[in-house]
Amino acid sequence: MIFNYVKGQEKHHTKQDFKTEYLESLQKHELEFDEQYIFEELI
């Protein structure tokens, strides 16, 4: 079960990137956060 989930992530993230999915999940579960501390953009 977990193997299949992980296996499908590359295909899944062609539709929605991880950052967007993660932020939507935080909002969906009404968790407070400050986006500036969640991700740091790499140069």
PDB file of N, CA and C in Angstrom:
ATOM      1  N   MET A   1       0.823  -1.184   0.000  1.00  0.00           N
ATOM      2  CA  MET A   1       0.000   0.000   0.000  1.00  0.00           C
ATOM      3  C   MET A   1       0.877   1.262   0.000  1.00  0.00           C
ATOM      4  N   ILE A   2       1.788   1.380   0.938  1.00  0.00           N
ATOM      5  CA  ILE A   2       2.671   2.550   0.985  1.00  0.00           C
ATOM      6  C   ILE A   2       3.567   2.579  -0.249  1.00  0.00           C
ATOM      7  N   PHE A   3       4.033   1.418  -0.670  1.00  0.00           N
ATOM      8  CA  PHE A   3       4.888   1.342  -1.857  1.00  0.00           C
ATOM      9  C   PHE A   3       4.177   1.941  -3.068  1.00  0.00           C
ATOM     10  N   ASN A   4       2.921   1.571  -3.263  1.00  0.00           N
ATOM     11  CA  ASN A   4       2.154   2.085  -4.403  1.00  0.00           C
ATOM     12  C   ASN A   4       1.938   3.589  -4.295  1.00  0.00           C
ATOM     13  N   TYR A   5       1.730   4.077  -3.083  1.00  0.00           N
ATOM     14  CA  TYR A   5       1.568   5.513  -2.879  1.00  0.00           C
ATOM     15  C   TYR A   5       2.835   6.255  -3.296  1.00  0.00           C
ATOM     16  N   VAL A   6       3.974   5.803  -2.809  1.00  0.00           N
ATOM     17  CA  VAL A   6       5.252   6.445  -3.124  1.00  0.00           C
ATOM     18  C   VAL A   6       5.550   6.319  -4.612  1.00  0.00           C
ATOM     19  N   LYS A   7       5.266   5.166  -5.170  1.00  0.00           N
ATOM     20  CA  LYS A   7       5.517   4.919  -6.586  1.00  0.00           C
ATOM     21  C   LYS A   7       4.756   5.911  -7.473  1.00  0.00           C
ATOM     22  N   GLY A   8       3.574   6.320  -7.064  1.00  0.00           N
ATOM     23  CA  GLY A   8       2.757   7.210  -7.871  1.00  0.00           C
ATOM     24  C   GLY A   8       3.031   8.695  -7.658  1.00  0.00           C
ATOM     25  N   GLN A   9       3.951   9.044  -6.763  1.00  0.00           N
ATOM     26  CA  GLN A   9       4.158  10.451  -6.445  1.00  0.00           C
ATOM     27  C   GLN A   9       4.742  11.270  -7.596  1.00  0.00           C
ATOM     28  N   GLU A  10       5.649  10.707  -8.352  1.00  0.00           N
ATOM     29  CA  GLU A  10       6.229  11.468  -9.468  1.00  0.00           C
ATOM     30  C   GLU A  10       5.138  11.866 -10.458  1.00  0.00           C
ATOM     31  N   LYS A  11       4.281  10.923 -10.797  1.00  0.00           N
ATOM     32  CA  LYS A  11       3.179  11.217 -11.715  1.00  0.00           C
ATOM     33  C   LYS A  11       2.200  12.202 -11.085  1.00  0.00           C
ATOM     34  N   HIS A  12       1.905  12.010  -9.816  1.00  0.00           N
ATOM     35  CA  HIS A  12       0.983  12.881  -9.098  1.00  0.00           C
ATOM     36  C   HIS A  12       1.479  14.328  -9.096  1.00  0.00           C
ATOM     37  N   HIS A  13       2.765  14.511  -8.886  1.00  0.00           N
ATOM     38  CA  HIS A  13       3.314  15.862  -8.770  1.00  0.00           C
ATOM     39  C   HIS A  13       3.528  16.541 -10.119  1.00  0.00           C
ATOM     40  N   THR A  14       3.193  15.885 -11.214  1.00  0.00           N
ATOM     41  CA  THR A  14       3.175  16.592 -12.500  1.00  0.00           C
ATOM     42  C   THR A  14       1.915  17.446 -12.592  1.00  0.00           C
ATOM     43  N   LYS A  15       0.905  17.119 -11.785  1.00  0.00           N
ATOM     44  CA  LYS A  15      -0.355  17.863 -11.772  1.00  0.00           C
ATOM     45  C   LYS A  15      -0.329  18.979 -10.736  1.00  0.00           C
ATOM     46  N   GLN A  16       0.314  18.735  -9.604  1.00  0.00           N
ATOM     47  CA  GLN A  16       0.363  19.705  -8.512  1.00  0.00           C
ATOM     48  C   GLN A  16       1.670  19.499  -7.765  1.00  0.00           C
ATOM     49  N   ASP A  17       2.427  20.580  -7.592  1.00  0.00           N
ATOM     50  CA  ASP A  17       3.710  20.417  -6.912  1.00  0.00           C
ATOM     51  C   ASP A  17       3.513  20.185  -5.414  1.00  0.00           C
ATOM     52  N   PHE A  18       4.568  19.693  -4.777  1.00  0.00           N
ATOM     53  CA  PHE A  18       4.494  19.329  -3.364  1.00  0.00           C
ATOM     54  C   PHE A  18       4.156  20.526  -2.491  1.00  0.00           C
ATOM     55  N   LYS A  19       4.771  21.679  -2.768  1.00  0.00           N
ATOM     56  CA  LYS A  19       4.539  22.861  -1.934  1.00  0.00           C
ATOM     57  C   LYS A  19       3.063  23.238  -1.936  1.00  0.00           C
ATOM     58  N   THR A  20       2.443  23.271  -3.105  1.00  0.00           N
ATOM     59  CA  THR A  20       1.024  23.612  -3.203  1.00  0.00           C
ATOM     60  C   THR A  20       0.172  22.600  -2.459  1.00  0.00           C
ATOM     61  N   GLU A  21       0.468  21.328  -2.650  1.00  0.00           N
ATOM     62  CA  GLU A  21      -0.292  20.273  -1.978  1.00  0.00           C
ATOM     63  C   GLU A  21      -0.154  20.381  -0.460  1.00  0.00           C
ATOM     64  N   TYR A  22       1.050  20.642   0.014  1.00  0.00           N
ATOM     65  CA  TYR A  22       1.317  20.747   1.448  1.00  0.00           C
ATOM     66  C   TYR A  22       0.568  21.933   2.057  1.00  0.00           C
ATOM     67  N   LEU A  23       0.635  23.095   1.411  1.00  0.00           N
ATOM     68  CA  LEU A  23      -0.049  24.273   1.924  1.00  0.00           C
ATOM     69  C   LEU A  23      -1.564  24.078   1.926  1.00  0.00           C
ATOM     70  N   GLU A  24      -2.097  23.447   0.892  1.00  0.00           N
ATOM     71  CA  GLU A  24      -3.535  23.165   0.854  1.00  0.00           C
ATOM     72  C   GLU A  24      -3.942  22.222   1.988  1.00  0.00           C
ATOM     73  N   SER A  25      -3.084  21.266   2.297  1.00  0.00           N
ATOM     74  CA  SER A  25      -3.370  20.335   3.382  1.00  0.00           C
ATOM     75  C   SER A  25      -3.391  21.058   4.732  1.00  0.00           C
ATOM     76  N   LEU A  26      -2.454  21.965   4.950  1.00  0.00           N
ATOM     77  CA  LEU A  26      -2.439  22.745   6.193  1.00  0.00           C
ATOM     78  C   LEU A  26      -3.717  23.567   6.328  1.00  0.00           C
ATOM     79  N   GLN A  27      -4.118  24.196   5.233  1.00  0.00           N
ATOM     80  CA  GLN A  27      -5.334  25.013   5.245  1.00  0.00           C
ATOM     81  C   GLN A  27      -6.581  24.154   5.441  1.00  0.00           C
ATOM     82  N   LYS A  28      -6.629  23.026   4.779  1.00  0.00           N
ATOM     83  CA  LYS A  28      -7.779  22.126   4.883  1.00  0.00           C
ATOM     84  C   LYS A  28      -8.003  21.697   6.326  1.00  0.00           C
ATOM     85  N   HIS A  29      -6.908  21.453   7.041  1.00  0.00           N
ATOM     86  CA  HIS A  29      -6.999  20.982   8.423  1.00  0.00           C
ATOM     87  C   HIS A  29      -6.945  22.127   9.431  1.00  0.00           C
ATOM     88  N   GLU A  30      -7.076  23.360   8.887  1.00  0.00           N
ATOM     89  CA  GLU A  30      -7.145  24.572   9.699  1.00  0.00           C
ATOM     90  C   GLU A  30      -5.973  24.715  10.660  1.00  0.00           C
ATOM     91  N   LEU A  31      -4.784  24.410  10.165  1.00  0.00           N
ATOM     92  CA  LEU A  31      -3.571  24.570  10.956  1.00  0.00           C
ATOM     93  C   LEU A  31      -2.976  25.942  10.694  1.00  0.00           C
ATOM     94  N   GLU A  32      -2.618  26.634  11.752  1.00  0.00           N
ATOM     95  CA  GLU A  32      -2.014  27.951  11.597  1.00  0.00           C
ATOM     96  C   GLU A  32      -0.558  27.795  11.175  1.00  0.00           C
ATOM     97  N   PHE A  33      -0.125  28.653  10.258  1.00  0.00           N
ATOM     98  CA  PHE A  33       1.251  28.626   9.807  1.00  0.00           C
ATOM     99  C   PHE A  33       1.607  29.953   9.174  1.00  0.00           C
ATOM    100  N   ASP A  34       2.885  30.219   9.114  1.00  0.00           N
ATOM    101  CA  ASP A  34       3.394  31.395   8.417  1.00  0.00           C
ATOM    102  C   ASP A  34       4.213  30.865   7.252  1.00  0.00           C
ATOM    103  N   GLU A  35       3.735  31.098   6.044  1.00  0.00           N
ATOM    104  CA  GLU A  35       4.349  30.509   4.854  1.00  0.00           C
ATOM    105  C   GLU A  35       5.830  30.847   4.716  1.00  0.00           C
ATOM    106  N   GLN A  36       6.254  31.995   5.239  1.00  0.00           N
ATOM    107  CA  GLN A  36       7.665  32.356   5.103  1.00  0.00           C
ATOM    108  C   GLN A  36       8.583  31.396   5.858  1.00  0.00           C
ATOM    109  N   TYR A  37       8.027  30.643   6.816  1.00  0.00           N
ATOM    110  CA  TYR A  37       8.842  29.684   7.559  1.00  0.00           C
ATOM    111  C   TYR A  37       8.676  28.249   7.070  1.00  0.00           C
ATOM    112  N   ILE A  38       7.797  28.008   6.116  1.00  0.00           N
ATOM    113  CA  ILE A  38       7.534  26.657   5.635  1.00  0.00           C
ATOM    114  C   ILE A  38       8.566  26.209   4.614  1.00  0.00           C
ATOM    115  N   PHE A  39       8.843  27.045   3.631  1.00  0.00           N
ATOM    116  CA  PHE A  39       9.761  26.676   2.545  1.00  0.00           C
ATOM    117  C   PHE A  39      10.761  27.792   2.312  1.00  0.00           C
ATOM    118  N   GLU A  40      11.955  27.393   2.037  1.00  0.00           N
ATOM    119  CA  GLU A  40      12.986  28.350   1.675  1.00  0.00           C
ATOM    120  C   GLU A  40      13.357  28.095   0.232  1.00  0.00           C
ATOM    121  N   GLU A  41      13.224  29.104  -0.602  1.00  0.00           N
ATOM    122  CA  GLU A  41      13.560  28.963  -2.016  1.00  0.00           C
ATOM    123  C   GLU A  41      15.059  28.781  -2.174  1.00  0.00           C
ATOM    124  N   LEU A  42      15.453  27.845  -2.981  1.00  0.00           N
ATOM    125  CA  LEU A  42      16.866  27.614  -3.251  1.00  0.00           C
ATOM    126  C   LEU A  42      17.283  28.354  -4.500  1.00  0.00           C
ATOM    127  N   ILE A  43      18.473  28.846  -4.497  1.00  0.00           N
ATOM    128  CA  ILE A  43      19.001  29.588  -5.665  1.00  0.00           C
ATOM    129  C   ILE A  43      19.539  28.605  -6.669  1.00  0.00           C
TER     130      ILE A  43
END
